[in-house]
Amino acid sequence: MSSTKVIYRINKQENEVELEPSVTLLDGALIHRLDPPYSCLEGVCSRCEAKVESGEVQVISGYEIEGHPRRIKTCQTFPKSSSVTINYDLD
């Protein structure tokens, strides 16, 4: 698959970037200096939790957030479709 258009909503700002499917959504935000919330990078702290508003993603097995099918830990999630929208503003 070619690159994915990812729209990040962080701190009430929206940024669109191109991301390779082998890059996690958190790493993509960090590469593009979008200042996403994060801490451990290993899926333990849940600080990088976000909501998938559109598109399909692939969550590494064991890192799903039970009871919240569209919520993800972005450090353990890869883009799967040609376009994905991620919202870190959960409050």
N, C-alpha and C. Protein backbone atom coordinates (compact mmCIF):
# COMPACT_ATOMS: atom_id res chain seq x y z
N MET A 1 0.84 -1.18 0.00
CA MET A 1 0.00 0.00 0.00
C MET A 1 0.88 1.24 0.00
N SER A 2 0.42 2.26 -0.70
CA SER A 2 1.16 3.51 -0.71
C SER A 2 0.85 4.31 0.54
N SER A 3 1.34 5.52 0.59
CA SER A 3 1.18 6.32 1.80
C SER A 3 -0.30 6.63 2.08
N THR A 4 -0.55 6.97 3.33
CA THR A 4 -1.90 7.28 3.82
C THR A 4 -1.97 8.76 4.17
N LYS A 5 -3.08 9.38 3.83
CA LYS A 5 -3.35 10.75 4.27
C LYS A 5 -3.90 10.64 5.69
N VAL A 6 -3.20 11.24 6.65
CA VAL A 6 -3.65 11.22 8.03
C VAL A 6 -3.94 12.65 8.48
N ILE A 7 -5.14 12.84 9.00
CA ILE A 7 -5.52 14.12 9.57
C ILE A 7 -5.48 13.95 11.08
N TYR A 8 -4.67 14.77 11.73
CA TYR A 8 -4.53 14.76 13.18
C TYR A 8 -5.25 15.97 13.76
N ARG A 9 -6.08 15.73 14.77
CA ARG A 9 -6.69 16.82 15.53
C ARG A 9 -6.06 16.80 16.92
N ILE A 10 -5.26 17.82 17.19
CA ILE A 10 -4.52 17.92 18.45
C ILE A 10 -4.63 19.35 18.96
N ASN A 11 -5.07 19.51 20.19
CA ASN A 11 -5.20 20.85 20.80
C ASN A 11 -6.02 21.80 19.93
N LYS A 12 -7.12 21.27 19.41
CA LYS A 12 -8.07 22.05 18.60
C LYS A 12 -7.48 22.55 17.28
N GLN A 13 -6.36 21.95 16.87
CA GLN A 13 -5.77 22.28 15.57
C GLN A 13 -5.79 21.03 14.70
N GLU A 14 -5.94 21.25 13.41
CA GLU A 14 -5.98 20.13 12.46
C GLU A 14 -4.80 20.21 11.51
N ASN A 15 -4.10 19.08 11.36
CA ASN A 15 -2.96 18.99 10.46
C ASN A 15 -3.08 17.75 9.61
N GLU A 16 -2.79 17.90 8.32
CA GLU A 16 -2.84 16.77 7.39
C GLU A 16 -1.43 16.42 6.95
N VAL A 17 -1.08 15.13 7.04
CA VAL A 17 0.25 14.67 6.63
C VAL A 17 0.11 13.38 5.83
N GLU A 18 1.17 13.01 5.14
CA GLU A 18 1.26 11.72 4.46
C GLU A 18 2.10 10.81 5.34
N LEU A 19 1.65 9.57 5.49
CA LEU A 19 2.31 8.63 6.38
C LEU A 19 2.43 7.28 5.72
N GLU A 20 3.58 6.65 5.84
CA GLU A 20 3.78 5.30 5.33
C GLU A 20 3.05 4.31 6.25
N PRO A 21 2.53 3.21 5.72
CA PRO A 21 1.78 2.27 6.54
C PRO A 21 2.61 1.54 7.59
N SER A 22 3.92 1.62 7.51
CA SER A 22 4.80 0.96 8.49
C SER A 22 5.14 1.86 9.68
N VAL A 23 4.58 3.07 9.71
CA VAL A 23 4.85 4.04 10.78
C VAL A 23 3.62 4.14 11.67
N THR A 24 3.82 4.04 12.99
CA THR A 24 2.66 4.17 13.88
C THR A 24 2.10 5.59 13.79
N LEU A 25 0.85 5.71 14.18
CA LEU A 25 0.22 7.03 14.14
C LEU A 25 0.90 8.00 15.08
N LEU A 26 1.37 7.53 16.23
CA LEU A 26 2.11 8.42 17.14
C LEU A 26 3.44 8.84 16.52
N ASP A 27 4.20 7.90 15.99
CA ASP A 27 5.48 8.26 15.36
C ASP A 27 5.28 9.25 14.22
N GLY A 28 4.20 9.08 13.45
CA GLY A 28 3.92 10.02 12.37
C GLY A 28 3.69 11.43 12.89
N ALA A 29 2.94 11.54 13.99
CA ALA A 29 2.70 12.86 14.58
C ALA A 29 4.00 13.46 15.10
N LEU A 30 4.85 12.63 15.70
CA LEU A 30 6.13 13.13 16.22
C LEU A 30 7.07 13.53 15.09
N ILE A 31 7.13 12.74 14.04
CA ILE A 31 7.98 13.05 12.88
C ILE A 31 7.61 14.42 12.30
N HIS A 32 6.32 14.70 12.26
CA HIS A 32 5.84 15.96 11.68
C HIS A 32 5.70 17.07 12.73
N ARG A 33 6.23 16.81 13.92
CA ARG A 33 6.29 17.81 15.00
C ARG A 33 4.94 18.42 15.34
N LEU A 34 3.95 17.54 15.52
CA LEU A 34 2.60 18.00 15.81
C LEU A 34 2.29 18.07 17.30
N ASP A 35 3.23 17.70 18.14
CA ASP A 35 3.11 17.80 19.59
C ASP A 35 1.95 16.98 20.17
N PRO A 36 1.88 15.68 19.84
CA PRO A 36 0.83 14.84 20.40
C PRO A 36 1.15 14.49 21.85
N PRO A 37 0.12 14.18 22.64
CA PRO A 37 0.39 13.72 24.01
C PRO A 37 0.94 12.29 23.98
N TYR A 38 1.98 12.03 24.74
CA TYR A 38 2.54 10.68 24.84
C TYR A 38 3.49 10.63 26.02
N SER A 39 3.88 9.41 26.39
CA SER A 39 4.85 9.26 27.46
C SER A 39 5.75 8.07 27.20
N CYS A 40 5.21 6.86 27.24
CA CYS A 40 6.06 5.67 27.29
C CYS A 40 6.46 5.10 25.92
N LEU A 41 5.68 5.31 24.88
CA LEU A 41 5.90 4.76 23.54
C LEU A 41 5.74 3.25 23.46
N GLU A 42 5.25 2.61 24.52
CA GLU A 42 5.16 1.14 24.56
C GLU A 42 3.75 0.63 24.79
N GLY A 43 2.74 1.49 24.80
CA GLY A 43 1.37 1.05 24.99
C GLY A 43 0.97 0.79 26.42
N VAL A 44 1.78 1.23 27.38
CA VAL A 44 1.51 0.97 28.79
C VAL A 44 0.74 2.11 29.44
N CYS A 45 1.09 3.35 29.16
CA CYS A 45 0.56 4.49 29.93
C CYS A 45 -0.79 5.02 29.42
N SER A 46 -1.14 4.76 28.19
CA SER A 46 -2.37 5.26 27.55
C SER A 46 -2.41 6.77 27.35
N ARG A 47 -1.31 7.44 27.54
CA ARG A 47 -1.26 8.90 27.35
C ARG A 47 -1.53 9.30 25.90
N CYS A 48 -1.20 8.42 24.96
CA CYS A 48 -1.36 8.73 23.53
C CYS A 48 -2.72 8.29 22.98
N GLU A 49 -3.66 8.02 23.87
CA GLU A 49 -4.98 7.57 23.44
C GLU A 49 -5.67 8.63 22.58
N ALA A 50 -6.33 8.16 21.52
CA ALA A 50 -7.05 9.05 20.61
C ALA A 50 -8.25 8.30 20.04
N LYS A 51 -9.09 9.02 19.34
CA LYS A 51 -10.26 8.43 18.71
C LYS A 51 -10.08 8.42 17.20
N VAL A 52 -10.40 7.29 16.58
CA VAL A 52 -10.40 7.20 15.13
C VAL A 52 -11.75 7.73 14.65
N GLU A 53 -11.72 8.88 13.98
CA GLU A 53 -12.97 9.49 13.52
C GLU A 53 -13.37 8.99 12.14
N SER A 54 -12.38 8.61 11.34
CA SER A 54 -12.68 8.03 10.03
C SER A 54 -11.50 7.20 9.57
N GLY A 55 -11.78 6.29 8.66
CA GLY A 55 -10.74 5.42 8.13
C GLY A 55 -10.55 4.17 8.96
N GLU A 56 -9.65 3.33 8.48
CA GLU A 56 -9.36 2.05 9.14
C GLU A 56 -7.92 2.04 9.62
N VAL A 57 -7.74 1.42 10.79
CA VAL A 57 -6.40 1.31 11.38
C VAL A 57 -6.16 -0.13 11.80
N GLN A 58 -4.90 -0.47 12.03
CA GLN A 58 -4.50 -1.79 12.52
C GLN A 58 -3.85 -1.62 13.88
N VAL A 59 -4.51 -2.14 14.92
CA VAL A 59 -3.98 -2.07 16.27
C VAL A 59 -3.21 -3.36 16.53
N ILE A 60 -2.00 -3.23 17.08
CA ILE A 60 -1.22 -4.42 17.44
C ILE A 60 -2.02 -5.23 18.46
N SER A 61 -2.12 -6.51 18.25
CA SER A 61 -2.89 -7.40 19.11
C SER A 61 -2.47 -7.26 20.57
N GLY A 62 -3.47 -7.16 21.44
CA GLY A 62 -3.20 -7.01 22.86
C GLY A 62 -3.23 -5.57 23.34
N TYR A 63 -3.30 -4.62 22.41
CA TYR A 63 -3.30 -3.20 22.78
C TYR A 63 -4.63 -2.51 22.48
N GLU A 64 -5.67 -3.30 22.24
CA GLU A 64 -7.00 -2.74 22.03
C GLU A 64 -7.51 -2.13 23.33
N ILE A 65 -8.37 -1.15 23.23
CA ILE A 65 -8.99 -0.54 24.41
C ILE A 65 -10.39 -1.13 24.51
N GLU A 66 -10.59 -2.03 25.44
CA GLU A 66 -11.87 -2.74 25.58
C GLU A 66 -13.00 -1.78 25.88
N GLY A 67 -14.14 -2.02 25.23
CA GLY A 67 -15.32 -1.21 25.46
C GLY A 67 -15.35 0.08 24.66
N HIS A 68 -14.27 0.37 23.95
CA HIS A 68 -14.17 1.60 23.15
C HIS A 68 -13.59 1.24 21.79
N PRO A 69 -14.40 0.71 20.87
CA PRO A 69 -13.88 0.19 19.61
C PRO A 69 -13.18 1.19 18.71
N ARG A 70 -13.47 2.48 18.83
CA ARG A 70 -12.81 3.49 17.98
C ARG A 70 -11.71 4.25 18.72
N ARG A 71 -11.45 3.89 19.97
CA ARG A 71 -10.35 4.50 20.73
C ARG A 71 -9.11 3.63 20.60
N ILE A 72 -7.97 4.28 20.44
CA ILE A 72 -6.73 3.55 20.19
C ILE A 72 -5.58 4.15 21.00
N LYS A 73 -4.56 3.36 21.18
CA LYS A 73 -3.27 3.84 21.66
C LYS A 73 -2.46 4.07 20.40
N THR A 74 -2.20 5.32 20.07
CA THR A 74 -1.59 5.63 18.77
C THR A 74 -0.18 5.10 18.63
N CYS A 75 0.49 4.80 19.75
CA CYS A 75 1.85 4.24 19.67
C CYS A 75 1.83 2.78 19.23
N GLN A 76 0.67 2.15 19.24
CA GLN A 76 0.54 0.74 18.88
C GLN A 76 -0.43 0.54 17.71
N THR A 77 -0.60 1.59 16.89
CA THR A 77 -1.59 1.56 15.82
C THR A 77 -1.00 2.11 14.53
N PHE A 78 -1.33 1.42 13.43
CA PHE A 78 -0.85 1.78 12.10
C PHE A 78 -2.03 2.16 11.21
N PRO A 79 -1.83 3.08 10.25
CA PRO A 79 -2.90 3.38 9.30
C PRO A 79 -3.11 2.20 8.36
N LYS A 80 -4.36 1.92 8.04
CA LYS A 80 -4.67 0.79 7.17
C LYS A 80 -5.35 1.22 5.88
N SER A 81 -6.15 2.28 5.92
CA SER A 81 -6.85 2.74 4.72
C SER A 81 -6.11 3.93 4.10
N SER A 82 -6.59 4.40 2.98
CA SER A 82 -5.90 5.49 2.27
C SER A 82 -6.05 6.84 2.97
N SER A 83 -7.02 6.95 3.87
CA SER A 83 -7.23 8.18 4.61
C SER A 83 -7.71 7.84 6.02
N VAL A 84 -7.13 8.51 7.02
CA VAL A 84 -7.48 8.27 8.43
C VAL A 84 -7.54 9.63 9.12
N THR A 85 -8.54 9.79 10.00
CA THR A 85 -8.62 10.98 10.84
C THR A 85 -8.54 10.55 12.30
N ILE A 86 -7.61 11.15 13.03
CA ILE A 86 -7.35 10.82 14.43
C ILE A 86 -7.58 12.07 15.27
N ASN A 87 -8.34 11.90 16.37
CA ASN A 87 -8.62 13.04 17.24
C ASN A 87 -8.07 12.76 18.63
N TYR A 88 -7.08 13.54 19.04
CA TYR A 88 -6.50 13.44 20.38
C TYR A 88 -7.31 14.25 21.40
N ASP A 89 -8.17 15.14 20.94
CA ASP A 89 -8.94 16.01 21.84
C ASP A 89 -10.16 15.24 22.36
N LEU A 90 -9.96 14.42 23.36
CA LEU A 90 -11.02 13.55 23.87
C LEU A 90 -11.88 14.22 24.92
N ASP A 91 -11.44 15.31 25.48
CA ASP A 91 -12.22 15.97 26.54
C ASP A 91 -13.35 16.80 25.98
